[in-house]
């Protein structure tokens, strides 16, 4: 994590899904379509 914060490591983000679409994100991963990381976006609203 230190390298990311220092800007020395830049992870490739392929896709971001809202948390409520977790099943869609899981299916995307299971189909091995991603090139980089798949993120789940967590809303600030509770």
PDB file of N, CA and C in Angstrom:
ATOM      1  N   UNK A   1       0.818  -1.186   0.000  1.00  0.00           N
ATOM      2  CA  UNK A   1       0.000   0.000   0.000  1.00  0.00           C
ATOM      3  C   UNK A   1       0.864   1.253   0.000  1.00  0.00           C
ATOM      4  N   UNK A   2       2.020   1.180   0.644  1.00  0.00           N
ATOM      5  CA  UNK A   2       2.912   2.342   0.698  1.00  0.00           C
ATOM      6  C   UNK A   2       3.340   2.775  -0.702  1.00  0.00           C
ATOM      7  N   UNK A   3       3.618   1.802  -1.567  1.00  0.00           N
ATOM      8  CA  UNK A   3       4.037   2.134  -2.930  1.00  0.00           C
ATOM      9  C   UNK A   3       2.925   2.815  -3.714  1.00  0.00           C
ATOM     10  N   UNK A   4       1.699   2.396  -3.499  1.00  0.00           N
ATOM     11  CA  UNK A   4       0.558   3.027  -4.168  1.00  0.00           C
ATOM     12  C   UNK A   4       0.428   4.472  -3.707  1.00  0.00           C
ATOM     13  N   UNK A   5       0.510   4.690  -2.401  1.00  0.00           N
ATOM     14  CA  UNK A   5       0.383   6.042  -1.857  1.00  0.00           C
ATOM     15  C   UNK A   5       1.514   6.955  -2.321  1.00  0.00           C
ATOM     16  N   UNK A   6       2.700   6.391  -2.531  1.00  0.00           N
ATOM     17  CA  UNK A   6       3.838   7.182  -3.006  1.00  0.00           C
ATOM     18  C   UNK A   6       3.808   7.385  -4.520  1.00  0.00           C
ATOM     19  N   UNK A   7       2.858   6.726  -5.212  1.00  0.00           N
ATOM     20  CA  UNK A   7       2.761   6.856  -6.662  1.00  0.00           C
ATOM     21  C   UNK A   7       3.759   6.007  -7.424  1.00  0.00           C
ATOM     22  N   UNK A   8       4.369   5.040  -6.767  1.00  0.00           N
ATOM     23  CA  UNK A   8       5.357   4.178  -7.412  1.00  0.00           C
ATOM     24  C   UNK A   8       4.747   2.891  -7.952  1.00  0.00           C
ATOM     25  N   UNK A   9       3.522   2.625  -7.599  1.00  0.00           N
ATOM     26  CA  UNK A   9       2.811   1.444  -8.077  1.00  0.00           C
ATOM     27  C   UNK A   9       1.405   1.878  -8.450  1.00  0.00           C
ATOM     28  N   UNK A  10       1.043   1.662  -9.690  1.00  0.00           N
ATOM     29  CA  UNK A  10      -0.275   2.070 -10.170  1.00  0.00           C
ATOM     30  C   UNK A  10      -1.059   0.844 -10.625  1.00  0.00           C
ATOM     31  N   UNK A  11      -1.932   0.318  -9.771  1.00  0.00           N
ATOM     32  CA  UNK A  11      -2.716  -0.849 -10.172  1.00  0.00           C
ATOM     33  C   UNK A  11      -3.648  -0.501 -11.330  1.00  0.00           C
ATOM     34  N   UNK A  12      -3.823  -1.439 -12.225  1.00  0.00           N
ATOM     35  CA  UNK A  12      -4.719  -1.247 -13.364  1.00  0.00           C
ATOM     36  C   UNK A  12      -6.128  -1.621 -12.926  1.00  0.00           C
ATOM     37  N   UNK A  13      -7.044  -0.685 -13.074  1.00  0.00           N
ATOM     38  CA  UNK A  13      -8.438  -0.920 -12.699  1.00  0.00           C
ATOM     39  C   UNK A  13      -9.228  -1.132 -13.976  1.00  0.00           C
ATOM     40  N   UNK A  14      -9.806  -2.304 -14.095  1.00  0.00           N
ATOM     41  CA  UNK A  14     -10.563  -2.671 -15.283  1.00  0.00           C
ATOM     42  C   UNK A  14     -11.993  -2.158 -15.206  1.00  0.00           C
ATOM     43  N   UNK A  15     -12.611  -2.309 -14.043  1.00  0.00           N
ATOM     44  CA  UNK A  15     -14.042  -2.027 -13.945  1.00  0.00           C
ATOM     45  C   UNK A  15     -14.395  -1.732 -12.500  1.00  0.00           C
ATOM     46  N   UNK A  16     -15.396  -0.899 -12.313  1.00  0.00           N
ATOM     47  CA  UNK A  16     -15.924  -0.626 -10.981  1.00  0.00           C
ATOM     48  C   UNK A  16     -17.427  -0.828 -10.961  1.00  0.00           C
ATOM     49  N   UNK A  17     -17.902  -1.548  -9.982  1.00  0.00           N
ATOM     50  CA  UNK A  17     -19.331  -1.814  -9.845  1.00  0.00           C
ATOM     51  C   UNK A  17     -19.821  -1.289  -8.504  1.00  0.00           C
ATOM     52  N   UNK A  18     -21.059  -0.783  -8.464  1.00  0.00           N
ATOM     53  CA  UNK A  18     -21.649  -0.454  -7.158  1.00  0.00           C
ATOM     54  C   UNK A  18     -21.782  -1.735  -6.332  1.00  0.00           C
ATOM     55  N   UNK A  19     -21.726  -1.601  -5.030  1.00  0.00           N
ATOM     56  CA  UNK A  19     -21.781  -2.759  -4.143  1.00  0.00           C
ATOM     57  C   UNK A  19     -23.021  -3.613  -4.387  1.00  0.00           C
ATOM     58  N   UNK A  20     -24.135  -2.981  -4.723  1.00  0.00           N
ATOM     59  CA  UNK A  20     -25.362  -3.756  -4.941  1.00  0.00           C
ATOM     60  C   UNK A  20     -25.274  -4.636  -6.197  1.00  0.00           C
ATOM     61  N   UNK A  21     -24.274  -4.411  -7.058  1.00  0.00           N
ATOM     62  CA  UNK A  21     -24.081  -5.237  -8.254  1.00  0.00           C
ATOM     63  C   UNK A  21     -22.954  -6.252  -8.063  1.00  0.00           C
ATOM     64  N   UNK A  22     -22.785  -6.710  -6.834  1.00  0.00           N
ATOM     65  CA  UNK A  22     -21.685  -7.625  -6.522  1.00  0.00           C
ATOM     66  C   UNK A  22     -21.780  -8.921  -7.334  1.00  0.00           C
ATOM     67  N   UNK A  23     -22.967  -9.405  -7.590  1.00  0.00           N
ATOM     68  CA  UNK A  23     -23.129 -10.647  -8.355  1.00  0.00           C
ATOM     69  C   UNK A  23     -22.642 -10.458  -9.795  1.00  0.00           C
ATOM     70  N   UNK A  24     -22.946  -9.305 -10.382  1.00  0.00           N
ATOM     71  CA  UNK A  24     -22.470  -9.004 -11.735  1.00  0.00           C
ATOM     72  C   UNK A  24     -20.935  -8.957 -11.770  1.00  0.00           C
ATOM     73  N   UNK A  25     -20.342  -8.345 -10.756  1.00  0.00           N
ATOM     74  CA  UNK A  25     -18.880  -8.275 -10.668  1.00  0.00           C
ATOM     75  C   UNK A  25     -18.284  -9.674 -10.515  1.00  0.00           C
ATOM     76  N   UNK A  26     -18.920 -10.506  -9.709  1.00  0.00           N
ATOM     77  CA  UNK A  26     -18.439 -11.878  -9.520  1.00  0.00           C
ATOM     78  C   UNK A  26     -18.523 -12.665 -10.828  1.00  0.00           C
ATOM     79  N   UNK A  27     -19.618 -12.512 -11.553  1.00  0.00           N
ATOM     80  CA  UNK A  27     -19.764 -13.194 -12.840  1.00  0.00           C
ATOM     81  C   UNK A  27     -18.682 -12.746 -13.822  1.00  0.00           C
ATOM     82  N   UNK A  28     -18.403 -11.451 -13.835  1.00  0.00           N
ATOM     83  CA  UNK A  28     -17.362 -10.894 -14.703  1.00  0.00           C
ATOM     84  C   UNK A  28     -16.008 -11.531 -14.382  1.00  0.00           C
ATOM     85  N   UNK A  29     -15.709 -11.671 -13.094  1.00  0.00           N
ATOM     86  CA  UNK A  29     -14.456 -12.310 -12.682  1.00  0.00           C
ATOM     87  C   UNK A  29     -14.432 -13.793 -13.061  1.00  0.00           C
ATOM     88  N   UNK A  30     -15.536 -14.478 -12.845  1.00  0.00           N
ATOM     89  CA  UNK A  30     -15.606 -15.912 -13.146  1.00  0.00           C
ATOM     90  C   UNK A  30     -15.451 -16.202 -14.629  1.00  0.00           C
ATOM     91  N   UNK A  31     -15.862 -15.250 -15.475  1.00  0.00           N
ATOM     92  CA  UNK A  31     -15.720 -15.417 -16.923  1.00  0.00           C
ATOM     93  C   UNK A  31     -14.312 -15.067 -17.401  1.00  0.00           C
ATOM     94  N   UNK A  32     -13.464 -14.626 -16.485  1.00  0.00           N
ATOM     95  CA  UNK A  32     -12.061 -14.275 -16.769  1.00  0.00           C
ATOM     96  C   UNK A  32     -11.954 -13.242 -17.885  1.00  0.00           C
ATOM     97  N   UNK A  33     -12.814 -12.223 -17.855  1.00  0.00           N
ATOM     98  CA  UNK A  33     -12.802 -11.171 -18.868  1.00  0.00           C
ATOM     99  C   UNK A  33     -11.925  -9.987 -18.465  1.00  0.00           C
ATOM    100  N   UNK A  34     -11.609  -9.863 -17.190  1.00  0.00           N
ATOM    101  CA  UNK A  34     -10.935  -8.658 -16.707  1.00  0.00           C
ATOM    102  C   UNK A  34      -9.465  -8.632 -17.102  1.00  0.00           C
ATOM    103  N   UNK A  35      -8.959  -7.407 -17.258  1.00  0.00           N
ATOM    104  CA  UNK A  35      -7.546  -7.194 -17.542  1.00  0.00           C
ATOM    105  C   UNK A  35      -6.818  -6.701 -16.299  1.00  0.00           C
ATOM    106  N   UNK A  36      -7.556  -6.027 -15.428  1.00  0.00           N
ATOM    107  CA  UNK A  36      -6.985  -5.480 -14.200  1.00  0.00           C
ATOM    108  C   UNK A  36      -7.892  -5.800 -13.027  1.00  0.00           C
ATOM    109  N   UNK A  37      -7.855  -4.932 -12.051  1.00  0.00           N
ATOM    110  CA  UNK A  37      -8.649  -5.116 -10.838  1.00  0.00           C
ATOM    111  C   UNK A  37     -10.110  -4.756 -11.094  1.00  0.00           C
ATOM    112  N   UNK A  38     -10.999  -5.453 -10.420  1.00  0.00           N
ATOM    113  CA  UNK A  38     -12.430  -5.145 -10.442  1.00  0.00           C
ATOM    114  C   UNK A  38     -12.790  -4.647  -9.052  1.00  0.00           C
ATOM    115  N   UNK A  39     -13.316  -3.432  -8.992  1.00  0.00           N
ATOM    116  CA  UNK A  39     -13.615  -2.797  -7.712  1.00  0.00           C
ATOM    117  C   UNK A  39     -15.096  -2.818  -7.408  1.00  0.00           C
ATOM    118  N   UNK A  40     -15.414  -2.844  -6.131  1.00  0.00           N
ATOM    119  CA  UNK A  40     -16.782  -2.635  -5.670  1.00  0.00           C
ATOM    120  C   UNK A  40     -16.824  -1.261  -5.025  1.00  0.00           C
ATOM    121  N   UNK A  41     -17.707  -0.411  -5.528  1.00  0.00           N
ATOM    122  CA  UNK A  41     -17.828   0.953  -5.014  1.00  0.00           C
ATOM    123  C   UNK A  41     -18.829   0.970  -3.873  1.00  0.00           C
ATOM    124  N   UNK A  42     -18.402   1.483  -2.744  1.00  0.00           N
ATOM    125  CA  UNK A  42     -19.269   1.566  -1.573  1.00  0.00           C
ATOM    126  C   UNK A  42     -19.773   2.991  -1.452  1.00  0.00           C
ATOM    127  N   UNK A  43     -21.082   3.144  -1.421  1.00  0.00           N
ATOM    128  CA  UNK A  43     -21.711   4.459  -1.323  1.00  0.00           C
ATOM    129  C   UNK A  43     -21.508   5.041   0.064  1.00  0.00           C
ATOM    130  N   UNK A  44     -21.439   6.361   0.140  1.00  0.00           N
ATOM    131  CA  UNK A  44     -21.346   7.034   1.434  1.00  0.00           C
ATOM    132  C   UNK A  44     -22.691   7.037   2.146  1.00  0.00           C
ATOM    133  N   UNK A  45     -23.756   6.819   1.379  1.00  0.00           N
ATOM    134  CA  UNK A  45     -25.099   6.802   1.965  1.00  0.00           C
ATOM    135  C   UNK A  45     -25.318   5.509   2.731  1.00  0.00           C
ATOM    136  N   UNK A  46     -25.965   5.622   3.870  1.00  0.00           N
ATOM    137  CA  UNK A  46     -26.266   4.425   4.670  1.00  0.00           C
ATOM    138  C   UNK A  46     -27.752   4.347   4.906  1.00  0.00           C
TER     139      UNK A  46
END
